[in-house]
C-alpha atoms as a PDB file:
ATOM      1  CA  UNK A   1     -89.030 131.860-116.470  1.00  0.00           C
ATOM      2  CA  UNK A   2     -92.149 132.025-118.494  1.00  0.00           C
ATOM      3  CA  UNK A   3     -95.027 131.454-116.794  1.00  0.00           C
ATOM      4  CA  UNK A   4     -98.430 129.462-118.143  1.00  0.00           C
ATOM      5  CA  UNK A   5    -101.493 132.220-118.531  1.00  0.00           C
ATOM      6  CA  UNK A   6    -104.834 130.647-116.489  1.00  0.00           C
ATOM      7  CA  UNK A   7    -106.779 129.274-118.561  1.00  0.00           C
ATOM      8  CA  UNK A   8    -109.627 128.466-116.831  1.00  0.00           C
ATOM      9  CA  UNK A   9    -112.213 127.726-120.002  1.00  0.00           C
ATOM     10  CA  UNK A  10    -112.216 123.378-119.174  1.00  0.00           C
ATOM     11  CA  UNK A  11    -112.434 123.908-115.529  1.00  0.00           C
ATOM     12  CA  UNK A  12    -115.856 122.911-115.039  1.00  0.00           C
ATOM     13  CA  UNK A  13    -115.526 119.857-117.340  1.00  0.00           C
ATOM     14  CA  UNK A  14    -112.393 118.445-115.690  1.00  0.00           C
ATOM     15  CA  UNK A  15    -113.979 119.425-112.031  1.00  0.00           C
ATOM     16  CA  UNK A  16    -117.050 117.001-113.495  1.00  0.00           C
ATOM     17  CA  UNK A  17    -114.410 114.571-114.552  1.00  0.00           C
ATOM     18  CA  UNK A  18    -113.276 114.150-111.420  1.00  0.00           C
ATOM     19  CA  UNK A  19    -116.673 114.117-109.511  1.00  0.00           C
ATOM     20  CA  UNK A  20    -117.524 111.378-111.486  1.00  0.00           C
ATOM     21  CA  UNK A  21    -114.346 109.679-111.052  1.00  0.00           C
ATOM     22  CA  UNK A  22    -115.051 109.785-107.164  1.00  0.00           C
ATOM     23  CA  UNK A  23    -118.579 108.619-107.396  1.00  0.00           C
ATOM     24  CA  UNK A  24    -117.163 105.645-109.388  1.00  0.00           C
ATOM     25  CA  UNK A  25    -114.649 104.861-106.542  1.00  0.00           C
ATOM     26  CA  UNK A  26    -117.155 105.379-103.977  1.00  0.00           C
ATOM     27  CA  UNK A  27    -119.420 102.845-105.547  1.00  0.00           C
ATOM     28  CA  UNK A  28    -116.693 100.372-106.233  1.00  0.00           C
ATOM     29  CA  UNK A  29    -115.586 100.929-102.601  1.00  0.00           C
ATOM     30  CA  UNK A  30    -119.064 100.201-101.237  1.00  0.00           C
ATOM     31  CA  UNK A  31    -119.027  96.951-103.416  1.00  0.00           C
ATOM     32  CA  UNK A  32    -116.097  95.733-101.936  1.00  0.00           C
ATOM     33  CA  UNK A  33    -116.749  96.629 -98.795  1.00  0.00           C
ATOM     34  CA  UNK A  34    -119.853  94.394 -99.156  1.00  0.00           C
ATOM     35  CA  UNK A  35    -117.552  90.955-100.395  1.00  0.00           C
ATOM     36  CA  UNK A  36    -114.702  91.583 -97.632  1.00  0.00           C
ATOM     37  CA  UNK A  37    -114.973  89.651 -94.462  1.00  0.00           C
ATOM     38  CA  UNK A  38    -111.506  91.761 -93.108  1.00  0.00           C
ATOM     39  CA  UNK A  39    -113.120  94.299 -90.580  1.00  0.00           C
ATOM     40  CA  UNK A  40    -109.822  96.302 -91.075  1.00  0.00           C
ATOM     41  CA  UNK A  41    -110.262  96.391 -94.825  1.00  0.00           C
ATOM     42  CA  UNK A  42    -113.708  97.308 -94.388  1.00  0.00           C
ATOM     43  CA  UNK A  43    -113.149 100.178 -92.072  1.00  0.00           C
ATOM     44  CA  UNK A  44    -110.411 101.855 -94.615  1.00  0.00           C
ATOM     45  CA  UNK A  45    -112.496 101.689 -97.517  1.00  0.00           C
ATOM     46  CA  UNK A  46    -115.347 103.264 -95.318  1.00  0.00           C
ATOM     47  CA  UNK A  47    -112.960 105.901 -94.271  1.00  0.00           C
ATOM     48  CA  UNK A  48    -112.074 106.833 -97.500  1.00  0.00           C
ATOM     49  CA  UNK A  49    -115.646 106.784 -98.325  1.00  0.00           C
ATOM     50  CA  UNK A  50    -116.223 109.337 -95.789  1.00  0.00           C
ATOM     51  CA  UNK A  51    -112.980 111.922 -97.134  1.00  0.00           C
ATOM     52  CA  UNK A  52    -114.254 111.582-100.658  1.00  0.00           C
ATOM     53  CA  UNK A  53    -117.770 112.727 -99.214  1.00  0.00           C
ATOM     54  CA  UNK A  54    -115.954 116.037 -97.716  1.00  0.00           C
ATOM     55  CA  UNK A  55    -114.357 115.993-101.578  1.00  0.00           C
ATOM     56  CA  UNK A  56    -117.629 115.706-103.978  1.00  0.00           C
ATOM     57  CA  UNK A  57    -118.737 118.697-101.478  1.00  0.00           C
ATOM     58  CA  UNK A  58    -115.772 121.201-102.428  1.00  0.00           C
ATOM     59  CA  UNK A  59    -115.738 120.188-105.928  1.00  0.00           C
ATOM     60  CA  UNK A  60    -119.351 120.620-105.984  1.00  0.00           C
ATOM     61  CA  UNK A  61    -119.021 123.942-104.861  1.00  0.00           C
ATOM     62  CA  UNK A  62    -115.957 124.840-106.801  1.00  0.00           C
ATOM     63  CA  UNK A  63    -117.826 123.849-109.887  1.00  0.00           C
ATOM     64  CA  UNK A  64    -120.677 126.210-109.066  1.00  0.00           C
ATOM     65  CA  UNK A  65    -118.383 129.028-108.863  1.00  0.00           C
ATOM     66  CA  UNK A  66    -116.865 127.868-112.030  1.00  0.00           C
ATOM     67  CA  UNK A  67    -119.680 128.033-113.681  1.00  0.00           C
ATOM     68  CA  UNK A  68    -120.727 131.278-112.294  1.00  0.00           C
ATOM     69  CA  UNK A  69    -117.343 132.686-113.500  1.00  0.00           C
ATOM     70  CA  UNK A  70    -117.822 131.226-116.624  1.00  0.00           C
ATOM     71  CA  UNK A  71    -120.976 133.363-117.211  1.00  0.00           C
ATOM     72  CA  UNK A  72    -119.596 136.233-116.148  1.00  0.00           C
ATOM     73  CA  UNK A  73    -116.710 136.219-118.473  1.00  0.00           C
ATOM     74  CA  UNK A  74    -113.880 135.572-115.969  1.00  0.00           C
ATOM     75  CA  UNK A  75    -113.932 138.851-114.640  1.00  0.00           C
END
């Protein structure tokens, strides 16, 4: 079985797209929370946004690492 080579050249861009998408999802959830009267739905959306905040923190760290590696030529 042949393995695919590790091609990290576009990792920064992929991570940035994920960050942008996550932020959009957070904003949509915030908007939905203001429009709903259902406390269960509001709590679920708030929980998801908490998870998204944690994910954003990790993605931002990862994008910095990838950018640094890219500058160094992926040694």
